[in-house]
Protein backbone atom coordinates (compact mmCIF):
# COMPACT_ATOMS: atom_id res chain seq x y z
CA MET A 1 14.53 19.89 39.76
CA ARG A 2 11.04 18.59 39.01
CA LYS A 3 10.81 20.84 35.91
CA LEU A 4 14.16 19.55 34.73
CA ILE A 5 13.04 15.91 35.04
CA LEU A 6 9.73 16.61 33.28
CA SER A 7 11.59 18.46 30.50
CA ALA A 8 13.97 15.52 30.06
CA ILE A 9 11.05 13.06 29.83
CA PHE A 10 9.28 15.30 27.29
CA LEU A 11 12.41 15.65 25.11
CA THR A 12 13.09 11.90 25.25
CA THR A 13 9.50 11.14 24.21
CA LEU A 14 9.66 13.73 21.41
CA ALA A 15 12.93 12.26 20.12
CA ALA A 16 11.47 8.75 20.14
CA PHE A 17 8.49 9.85 18.04
CA GLY A 18 10.77 11.74 15.65
CA GLN A 19 12.86 8.62 14.99
CA ASN A 20 9.78 6.73 13.77
CA ALA A 21 8.57 9.48 11.45
CA SER A 22 9.22 9.14 7.74
CA ARG A 23 9.00 11.64 4.90
CA PHE A 24 6.59 9.18 3.28
CA ASP A 25 4.13 9.30 6.18
CA GLY A 26 0.69 10.54 5.23
CA THR A 27 -2.36 9.64 3.19
CA TRP A 28 -1.94 8.29 -0.34
CA ASN A 29 -4.56 8.02 -3.10
CA THR A 30 -3.93 4.53 -4.44
CA THR A 31 -4.81 3.10 -7.85
CA VAL A 32 -4.17 -0.40 -9.18
CA THR A 33 -4.85 -1.32 -12.80
CA CYS A 34 -4.54 -4.98 -13.85
CA ASP A 35 -4.40 -5.77 -17.54
CA PRO A 36 -6.70 -8.33 -19.17
CA LYS A 37 -4.99 -11.69 -19.67
CA GLY A 38 -5.99 -15.22 -20.64
CA GLY A 39 -9.68 -14.42 -20.93
CA ALA A 40 -9.83 -12.57 -17.60
CA LEU A 41 -11.13 -9.00 -17.78
CA GLY A 42 -8.94 -6.10 -16.73
CA TYR A 43 -9.89 -3.76 -13.92
CA THR A 44 -8.96 -0.57 -12.09
CA LEU A 45 -9.48 0.00 -8.36
CA HIS A 46 -9.13 3.21 -6.33
CA PHE A 47 -8.73 3.43 -2.55
CA VAL A 48 -6.80 5.26 0.16
CA SER A 49 -3.62 4.01 1.84
CA THR A 50 -1.85 5.45 4.88
CA ALA A 51 1.84 5.45 5.75
CA SER A 52 2.96 5.83 9.35
CA GLY A 53 6.52 5.30 10.58
CA GLY A 54 7.42 4.43 6.98
CA VAL A 55 4.97 1.49 6.91
CA LEU A 56 2.21 1.61 4.28
CA HIS A 57 -1.22 0.00 4.64
CA GLY A 58 -4.29 0.30 2.47
CA GLU A 59 -7.36 -1.80 1.87
CA ARG A 60 -10.50 -1.93 -0.20
CA GLY A 61 -13.57 -3.99 0.61
CA THR A 62 -14.27 -6.27 3.56
CA LYS A 63 -11.53 -8.63 4.74
CA GLY A 64 -12.34 -12.26 3.99
CA HIS A 65 -15.02 -11.41 1.43
CA PRO A 66 -14.82 -11.53 -2.40
CA ALA A 67 -13.03 -8.59 -4.07
CA TYR A 68 -11.11 -7.64 -0.89
CA LEU A 69 -7.64 -6.16 -1.49
CA ALA A 70 -4.92 -4.99 0.92
CA ILE A 71 -1.48 -3.51 0.25
CA ASP A 72 1.19 -3.57 2.97
CA GLY A 73 4.89 -3.01 3.42
CA LYS A 74 7.77 -0.83 4.59
CA ILE A 75 9.01 2.09 2.50
CA GLY A 76 12.79 2.40 2.70
CA ASN A 77 14.52 5.72 3.39
CA GLY A 78 15.34 6.06 -0.32
CA GLY A 79 11.72 5.40 -1.33
CA ASN A 80 12.15 1.81 -2.47
CA ALA A 81 9.55 -0.69 -1.27
CA LYS A 82 8.66 -4.32 -1.77
CA LEU A 83 4.97 -4.27 -0.94
CA THR A 84 2.62 -7.23 -0.62
CA ALA A 85 -0.83 -7.15 -2.22
CA SER A 86 -3.21 -9.75 -0.82
CA GLY A 87 -6.89 -10.41 -0.75
CA ASN A 88 -9.76 -12.50 -2.06
CA THR A 89 -10.67 -12.94 -5.71
CA ALA A 90 -13.73 -11.27 -7.22
CA SER A 91 -15.95 -12.97 -9.78
CA ALA A 92 -14.43 -15.50 -12.19
CA ALA A 93 -14.66 -12.98 -15.04
CA TYR A 94 -11.84 -10.94 -13.42
CA THR A 95 -9.76 -13.82 -12.08
CA HIS A 96 -6.71 -14.98 -14.03
CA GLY A 97 -5.03 -18.31 -13.39
CA PRO A 98 -5.96 -21.90 -12.67
CA VAL A 99 -8.25 -21.09 -9.72
CA LYS A 100 -11.31 -19.12 -10.81
CA THR A 101 -13.45 -19.50 -7.71
CA GLU A 102 -14.85 -16.31 -6.20
CA GLY A 103 -13.42 -15.50 -2.77
CA GLU A 104 -10.15 -17.48 -3.08
CA GLU A 105 -7.15 -15.99 -1.26
CA TYR A 106 -4.19 -14.65 -3.26
CA SER A 107 -1.07 -12.52 -2.77
CA TYR A 108 1.75 -11.09 -4.85
CA GLU A 109 4.69 -8.70 -4.52
CA VAL A 110 4.69 -5.14 -5.84
CA LYS A 111 8.10 -3.56 -6.49
CA THR A 112 7.57 0.15 -5.86
CA GLN A 113 9.54 3.41 -5.87
CA PHE A 114 8.26 6.42 -3.92
CA THR A 115 9.18 10.10 -4.04
CA ASP A 116 7.90 12.67 -1.56
CA THR A 117 4.67 13.09 -3.57
CA GLU A 118 4.11 9.97 -5.67
CA GLY A 119 4.88 6.30 -6.08
CA LYS A 120 4.85 3.83 -8.96
CA GLY A 121 4.94 0.06 -8.72
CA GLU A 122 4.62 -3.09 -10.81
CA ARG A 123 3.34 -6.51 -9.88
CA SER A 124 6.01 -9.18 -9.85
CA THR A 125 4.65 -11.66 -12.41
CA GLY A 126 7.29 -14.32 -11.83
CA LEU A 127 7.55 -16.41 -14.97
CA GLY A 128 4.34 -14.82 -16.26
CA ILE A 129 2.47 -18.14 -16.38
CA VAL A 130 -0.01 -17.33 -13.61
CA GLY A 131 0.55 -13.64 -12.87
CA ARG A 132 -0.65 -10.78 -15.02
CA PRO A 133 0.69 -7.24 -15.22
CA CYS A 134 -0.72 -4.90 -12.58
CA HIS A 135 0.36 -1.27 -12.34
CA TRP A 136 0.19 0.63 -9.05
CA THR A 137 0.24 4.41 -8.56
CA PHE A 138 0.28 6.35 -5.30
CA GLU A 139 -0.40 10.08 -5.02
CA LYS A 140 0.26 11.73 -1.68
CA GLN A 141 -2.54 13.94 -0.42
CA ALA A 142 -1.51 17.44 0.56
CA VAL A 143 -1.56 18.22 4.27
CA GLU A 144 -3.76 21.20 5.05
CA ALA A 145 -2.21 23.92 7.16
CA PRO A 146 -3.99 24.48 10.49
CA LYS A 147 -6.50 27.31 10.39
CA PRO A 148 -5.91 30.20 12.80
């Protein structure tokens, strides 16, 4: 009887973990390229993001400091995602818009589509008055098979 109860607990726990898993879970090489606009220089950043339970999170730099960037959001079962990029501005040379102070907080949406191995997204620029085009790519890192 005790084995039966322990087996039932194990299977219930296993099923619960399986429900939270997503085909998008894993480690993603992340690149964002923002075009020059209005006198602000363009830039490209590379960092690693991780998806777990279908929720993506990545960051570059130190939170609360200039040039910090985070990307967060849920990836839908079909691979569609509305992610949020947020952080603190870098130097004024790279900052587009009315506020050109280093370290100011910002955020914007990134409409993204994922497949099992890659993702592509674009910054939502609204009316285009303040926002500038930013292009996001995600490349899933291969999972190494366990060594015998």
